[in-house]
Amino acid sequence: MESFFEKENSTTNLSRISYQKIYAHKDLDGLFGGGLLLRIYEVPIKFLSRILSARNSIIVEVPLSSMSMIENCIIIDHHYCKNPLLLNVRFSNYIICDESYPSVTSLIADYFELEIPEEILSAINDIEKGIVEEGSLSGILYIGYIATMNRMPFQKIAQDIKSGNWERIIRWFEKRANSKDAELVKQLAKIKAENANILINRVRIILYKATDSIEVGAARLALIKIQEENDAGVILGYEGQFAKKGMMATKRRKIDLLKVLMYLEENGWSAGGRRDVGGFKIPEGTTVNQAIEHLRRAFSTILR
């Protein structure tokens, strides 16, 4: 394994290696970081929430699981570089990981010497820190994003980032952040945050309809809000009486959600992520109440 500081002259070497695809995390940081890399690597880009296998590819901040098979890849991240899932991926992979960077976009811009407007980079950094203030550029980007969760044009925006069409990008996000959908998302997020249920002491959980884009966006925004006064937050998506998927996040450095995620995976769930954030998919036929109880056991066991 090689880190950011162990290869001073590796940028040139990496640019000469033939890679087949970029897999970027399906969020704003992955979008901007992956878009920047398209300037160097003329390959297709795909946006994922988790990755199970990859070969001869570049992986940008996509959470791994214990089942991930990664070979001959560049893995770029800025979360928890001592992550055992990251450390165990050793099949001729080149790992660039540095926790001192607030976003993977800032790491990529610095490491590969790629230009991005400072105000946009600062906004992405703020979003990664959970600082999303209405009216600020971070607020515009994030609200625009969550108001378009199920129809986000990742590919189009990634190409605009590659080309440096910053004004067009900002105009798109401004339009979405001021849409009727965005207003509904903000209103519903406030309600969901205020009515979040206690999972265990200082861990709150929010339910949302997994097939409703407004509910999905509101849950994501509410997840930021409930972390401010709690040790961790969880959002759980459902369809009818059955639980489907969810996320968890924390701003507390003392909390290691990776252990919770690994506990879930060991007990039959599909889960992956990092110390401060992660996602999970729930086995078919699991009711909402059963999923909540399983999450309660996971948090109680790991955080006791």
Protein backbone atom coordinates (compact mmCIF):
# COMPACT_ATOMS: atom_id res chain seq x y z
CA MET A 1 0.00 0.00 0.00
CA GLU A 2 1.27 3.47 -0.85
CA SER A 3 0.06 6.73 0.58
CA PHE A 4 -0.12 10.28 -0.71
CA PHE A 5 3.21 11.26 0.75
CA GLU A 6 5.20 8.19 -0.29
CA LYS A 7 5.20 8.94 -4.03
CA GLU A 8 6.35 12.47 -4.72
CA ASN A 9 6.74 11.92 -8.48
CA SER A 10 3.97 9.36 -8.97
CA THR A 11 1.48 11.65 -10.75
CA THR A 12 3.30 11.34 -14.07
CA ASN A 13 3.67 7.57 -13.68
CA LEU A 14 -0.01 7.10 -12.88
CA SER A 15 -1.11 9.15 -15.88
CA ARG A 16 0.75 6.72 -18.16
CA ILE A 17 -0.98 3.61 -16.81
CA SER A 18 -3.92 2.36 -18.87
CA TYR A 19 -7.13 2.24 -16.86
CA GLN A 20 -10.49 1.17 -18.21
CA LYS A 21 -13.02 3.03 -16.07
CA ILE A 22 -13.56 5.49 -13.25
CA TYR A 23 -15.90 4.45 -10.45
CA ALA A 24 -16.85 7.51 -8.38
CA HIS A 25 -18.99 7.78 -5.27
CA LYS A 26 -22.54 8.77 -6.09
CA ASP A 27 -22.51 12.07 -4.24
CA LEU A 28 -21.29 15.61 -4.84
CA ASP A 29 -17.72 14.98 -3.73
CA GLY A 30 -17.46 11.92 -5.97
CA LEU A 31 -19.04 13.86 -8.83
CA PHE A 32 -16.60 16.77 -8.70
CA GLY A 33 -13.56 14.61 -7.95
CA GLY A 34 -14.42 12.12 -10.69
CA GLY A 35 -15.17 14.92 -13.14
CA LEU A 36 -11.71 16.40 -12.57
CA LEU A 37 -10.05 13.04 -13.25
CA LEU A 38 -11.72 12.89 -16.68
CA ARG A 39 -9.22 15.56 -17.73
CA ILE A 40 -6.43 13.01 -17.32
CA TYR A 41 -8.12 9.69 -18.05
CA GLU A 42 -10.25 9.41 -21.22
CA VAL A 43 -12.38 6.57 -19.88
CA PRO A 44 -16.07 6.02 -19.01
CA ILE A 45 -17.16 7.12 -15.54
CA LYS A 46 -19.79 5.38 -13.43
CA PHE A 47 -21.29 6.59 -10.16
CA LEU A 48 -21.91 4.04 -7.38
CA SER A 49 -22.92 3.91 -3.74
CA ARG A 50 -20.78 0.81 -3.10
CA ILE A 51 -18.42 -1.36 -5.11
CA LEU A 52 -17.97 -5.13 -4.97
CA SER A 53 -15.45 -5.72 -7.75
CA ALA A 54 -13.18 -3.73 -10.05
CA ARG A 55 -10.12 -4.31 -12.18
CA ASN A 56 -7.82 -1.82 -13.91
CA SER A 57 -10.01 1.06 -12.75
CA ILE A 58 -9.86 4.23 -10.69
CA ILE A 59 -12.05 4.20 -7.58
CA VAL A 60 -12.97 7.60 -6.17
CA GLU A 61 -14.22 7.45 -2.57
CA VAL A 62 -16.64 4.58 -3.25
CA PRO A 63 -17.20 2.65 0.02
CA LEU A 64 -15.83 -0.90 0.06
CA SER A 65 -17.21 -3.93 1.83
CA SER A 66 -15.48 -7.02 3.19
CA MET A 67 -16.59 -8.81 0.01
CA SER A 68 -15.00 -6.29 -2.39
CA MET A 69 -12.53 -7.74 -4.91
CA ILE A 70 -10.36 -4.91 -6.23
CA GLU A 71 -7.35 -5.54 -8.47
CA ASN A 72 -4.86 -3.28 -10.31
CA CYS A 73 -6.75 -0.13 -9.37
CA ILE A 74 -6.06 3.35 -8.08
CA ILE A 75 -8.12 3.84 -4.91
CA ILE A 76 -8.53 7.47 -3.86
CA ASP A 77 -10.09 8.47 -0.53
CA HIS A 78 -9.77 10.95 2.32
CA HIS A 79 -11.74 9.08 4.99
CA TYR A 80 -10.14 6.90 7.64
CA CYS A 81 -6.96 5.74 5.90
CA LYS A 82 -6.50 2.99 8.52
CA ASN A 83 -9.82 1.47 7.45
CA PRO A 84 -9.17 -2.31 7.55
CA LEU A 85 -11.27 -2.73 4.41
CA LEU A 86 -8.87 -0.36 2.64
CA LEU A 87 -5.73 -1.87 4.16
CA ASN A 88 -6.74 -5.38 3.12
CA VAL A 89 -7.16 -4.43 -0.55
CA ARG A 90 -3.64 -5.35 -1.70
CA PHE A 91 -3.99 -6.89 -5.17
CA SER A 92 -1.51 -4.62 -6.98
CA ASN A 93 -3.54 -1.55 -6.09
CA TYR A 94 -2.20 1.97 -5.67
CA ILE A 95 -3.87 3.71 -2.73
CA ILE A 96 -3.97 7.48 -2.38
CA CYS A 97 -5.47 8.35 1.00
CA ASP A 98 -4.95 11.41 3.15
CA GLU A 99 -7.30 12.34 5.99
CA SER A 100 -5.95 15.89 6.17
CA TYR A 101 -8.00 16.79 3.09
CA PRO A 102 -11.63 17.72 3.83
CA SER A 103 -12.86 16.27 0.52
CA VAL A 104 -11.70 13.81 -2.11
CA THR A 105 -12.10 16.63 -4.63
CA SER A 106 -9.50 18.73 -2.81
CA LEU A 107 -7.15 15.71 -2.61
CA ILE A 108 -7.50 15.01 -6.34
CA ALA A 109 -7.08 18.69 -7.29
CA ASP A 110 -3.87 18.91 -5.25
CA TYR A 111 -2.38 15.52 -6.06
CA PHE A 112 -3.00 15.67 -9.82
CA GLU A 113 -2.56 19.47 -10.04
CA LEU A 114 -6.01 20.10 -11.50
CA GLU A 115 -7.70 23.50 -11.42
CA ILE A 116 -11.08 24.15 -9.82
CA PRO A 117 -12.47 27.51 -8.64
CA GLU A 118 -11.63 28.10 -4.99
CA GLU A 119 -15.24 29.00 -4.08
CA ILE A 120 -16.53 25.71 -5.50
CA LEU A 121 -13.83 23.69 -3.78
CA SER A 122 -14.58 25.44 -0.48
CA ALA A 123 -18.28 24.63 -0.90
CA ILE A 124 -17.55 20.93 -1.52
CA ASN A 125 -15.27 20.92 1.54
CA ASP A 126 -18.05 22.46 3.66
CA ILE A 127 -20.57 19.88 2.47
CA GLU A 128 -18.19 17.09 3.44
CA LYS A 129 -17.92 18.67 6.89
CA GLY A 130 -21.71 18.83 7.17
CA ILE A 131 -21.75 22.64 6.92
CA VAL A 132 -24.72 23.42 4.70
CA GLU A 133 -26.09 26.93 5.23
CA GLU A 134 -29.03 28.10 3.17
CA GLY A 135 -28.02 30.78 0.66
CA SER A 136 -24.33 29.82 0.69
CA LEU A 137 -22.77 28.05 -2.29
CA SER A 138 -22.53 24.86 -0.23
CA GLY A 139 -26.25 25.17 0.48
CA ILE A 140 -27.06 25.77 -3.19
CA LEU A 141 -25.04 22.76 -4.32
CA TYR A 142 -26.37 20.42 -1.65
CA ILE A 143 -30.03 21.47 -1.84
CA GLY A 144 -29.88 21.30 -5.63
CA TYR A 145 -28.43 17.82 -5.35
CA ILE A 146 -30.88 16.33 -2.84
CA ALA A 147 -33.84 17.93 -4.65
CA THR A 148 -32.86 15.89 -7.71
CA MET A 149 -31.75 12.64 -6.04
CA ASN A 150 -33.44 10.15 -8.40
CA ARG A 151 -32.75 12.05 -11.62
CA MET A 152 -29.39 13.69 -11.02
CA PRO A 153 -27.58 14.09 -14.38
CA PHE A 154 -24.24 12.84 -13.05
CA GLN A 155 -22.78 12.11 -16.47
CA LYS A 156 -23.63 15.51 -17.95
CA ILE A 157 -22.30 17.46 -14.97
CA ALA A 158 -19.14 15.34 -14.86
CA GLN A 159 -18.44 16.32 -18.48
CA ASP A 160 -19.03 19.99 -17.61
CA ILE A 161 -16.55 19.66 -14.73
CA LYS A 162 -14.04 18.09 -17.12
CA SER A 163 -14.48 21.03 -19.50
CA GLY A 164 -14.49 23.65 -16.73
CA ASN A 165 -17.98 24.93 -17.54
CA TRP A 166 -18.33 26.31 -14.01
CA GLU A 167 -20.94 29.00 -14.73
CA ARG A 168 -23.24 26.47 -16.39
CA ILE A 169 -22.80 24.08 -13.46
CA ILE A 170 -23.65 26.76 -10.89
CA ARG A 171 -26.69 27.91 -12.89
CA TRP A 172 -28.01 24.35 -12.97
CA PHE A 173 -27.65 23.91 -9.21
CA GLU A 174 -29.18 27.34 -8.53
CA LYS A 175 -32.21 26.44 -10.62
CA ARG A 176 -32.69 23.16 -8.77
CA ALA A 177 -32.06 24.73 -5.34
CA ASN A 178 -34.84 27.25 -5.99
CA SER A 179 -37.33 24.74 -7.38
CA LYS A 180 -40.62 23.70 -5.82
CA ASP A 181 -39.12 20.28 -5.12
CA ALA A 182 -36.30 21.88 -3.13
CA GLU A 183 -38.75 23.82 -1.00
CA LEU A 184 -40.70 20.66 -0.26
CA VAL A 185 -37.49 18.84 0.63
CA LYS A 186 -36.46 21.56 3.10
CA GLN A 187 -39.86 21.68 4.76
CA LEU A 188 -40.09 17.92 5.10
CA ALA A 189 -36.48 17.64 6.33
CA LYS A 190 -37.26 20.03 9.18
CA ILE A 191 -40.26 17.93 10.21
CA LYS A 192 -38.31 14.68 9.99
CA ALA A 193 -35.41 16.03 12.05
CA GLU A 194 -37.72 17.35 14.74
CA ASN A 195 -39.55 14.02 14.94
CA ALA A 196 -36.55 11.69 14.72
CA ASN A 197 -36.95 8.65 16.96
CA ILE A 198 -34.44 7.37 19.51
CA LEU A 199 -32.66 4.22 18.35
CA ILE A 200 -30.41 4.06 21.41
CA ASN A 201 -29.12 6.81 23.66
CA ARG A 202 -27.82 9.71 21.52
CA VAL A 203 -28.48 7.88 18.23
CA ARG A 204 -31.55 8.99 16.27
CA ILE A 205 -33.33 7.27 13.39
CA ILE A 206 -35.54 8.69 10.62
CA LEU A 207 -37.79 6.68 8.30
CA TYR A 208 -38.46 7.63 4.68
CA LYS A 209 -40.28 6.21 1.66
CA ALA A 210 -37.54 4.73 -0.50
CA THR A 211 -39.42 5.28 -3.78
CA ASP A 212 -40.33 8.94 -3.15
CA SER A 213 -37.61 11.35 -4.35
CA ILE A 214 -38.81 14.14 -2.04
CA GLU A 215 -38.72 11.80 0.96
CA VAL A 216 -35.24 10.57 -0.02
CA GLY A 217 -33.87 14.11 -0.32
CA ALA A 218 -35.53 15.23 2.92
CA ALA A 219 -34.08 12.26 4.80
CA ARG A 220 -30.58 13.07 3.55
CA LEU A 221 -30.91 16.71 4.66
CA ALA A 222 -32.41 15.70 8.00
CA LEU A 223 -29.49 13.30 8.55
CA ILE A 224 -27.14 16.30 8.59
CA LYS A 225 -29.35 18.09 11.11
CA ILE A 226 -29.71 15.23 13.62
CA GLN A 227 -25.94 14.66 13.77
CA GLU A 228 -25.46 18.09 15.33
CA GLU A 229 -27.01 17.15 18.67
CA ASN A 230 -26.49 13.38 18.67
CA ASP A 231 -23.62 10.92 18.47
CA ALA A 232 -24.95 9.46 15.22
CA GLY A 233 -27.92 9.48 12.89
CA VAL A 234 -29.58 6.76 10.81
CA ILE A 235 -32.06 7.02 7.96
CA LEU A 236 -34.05 3.93 6.97
CA GLY A 237 -35.88 3.61 3.65
CA TYR A 238 -38.94 1.40 3.33
CA GLU A 239 -41.54 0.20 0.83
CA GLY A 240 -44.81 -0.77 2.45
CA GLN A 241 -44.04 -2.80 5.58
CA PHE A 242 -40.57 -3.84 4.39
CA ALA A 243 -37.27 -2.11 5.03
CA LYS A 244 -35.03 -1.69 1.98
CA LYS A 245 -31.90 0.38 2.58
CA GLY A 246 -30.43 3.23 4.55
CA MET A 247 -27.49 5.33 5.66
CA MET A 248 -25.77 6.26 8.89
CA ALA A 249 -23.42 9.12 9.70
CA THR A 250 -21.63 10.78 12.59
CA LYS A 251 -19.59 13.91 13.25
CA ARG A 252 -18.07 12.46 16.43
CA ARG A 253 -14.50 11.24 16.00
CA LYS A 254 -14.94 8.85 18.92
CA ILE A 255 -17.65 6.94 17.03
CA ASP A 256 -16.55 4.29 14.53
CA LEU A 257 -19.51 3.44 12.31
CA LEU A 258 -17.39 1.02 10.29
CA LYS A 259 -17.65 -1.42 13.18
CA VAL A 260 -21.45 -1.09 13.12
CA LEU A 261 -21.50 -1.65 9.37
CA MET A 262 -19.27 -4.71 9.64
CA TYR A 263 -21.54 -6.09 12.37
CA LEU A 264 -24.52 -5.69 10.03
CA GLU A 265 -22.66 -7.41 7.20
CA GLU A 266 -21.65 -10.29 9.44
CA ASN A 267 -25.34 -10.74 10.21
CA GLY A 268 -26.53 -10.97 6.62
CA TRP A 269 -26.92 -7.35 5.53
CA SER A 270 -25.03 -5.80 2.63
CA ALA A 271 -23.12 -2.90 4.16
CA GLY A 272 -20.09 -0.76 3.51
CA GLY A 273 -18.58 2.58 4.30
CA ARG A 274 -16.13 4.34 6.56
CA ARG A 275 -15.75 5.43 10.14
CA ASP A 276 -18.01 8.48 9.77
CA VAL A 277 -20.52 7.44 7.10
CA GLY A 278 -21.88 4.32 5.45
CA GLY A 279 -24.79 2.67 3.74
CA PHE A 280 -26.60 -0.64 3.88
CA LYS A 281 -29.08 -2.79 1.99
CA ILE A 282 -31.44 -5.01 3.91
CA PRO A 283 -32.32 -8.66 3.09
CA GLU A 284 -35.62 -9.10 1.27
CA GLY A 285 -38.60 -9.76 3.51
CA THR A 286 -37.25 -7.82 6.51
CA THR A 287 -39.97 -5.69 8.07
CA VAL A 288 -39.32 -2.15 9.22
CA ASN A 289 -39.67 -3.17 12.87
CA GLN A 290 -37.25 -6.05 12.40
CA ALA A 291 -34.72 -3.75 10.71
CA ILE A 292 -34.98 -1.18 13.49
CA GLU A 293 -34.41 -3.84 16.12
CA HIS A 294 -31.41 -5.18 14.20
CA LEU A 295 -29.93 -1.68 13.95
CA ARG A 296 -30.56 -1.17 17.67
CA ARG A 297 -28.66 -4.37 18.47
CA ALA A 298 -25.81 -3.37 16.17
CA PHE A 299 -25.36 0.06 17.76
CA SER A 300 -25.83 -1.29 21.27
CA THR A 301 -23.27 -4.03 20.73
CA ILE A 302 -20.61 -1.83 19.11
CA LEU A 303 -21.10 1.38 21.09
CA ARG A 304 -21.72 -0.13 24.51
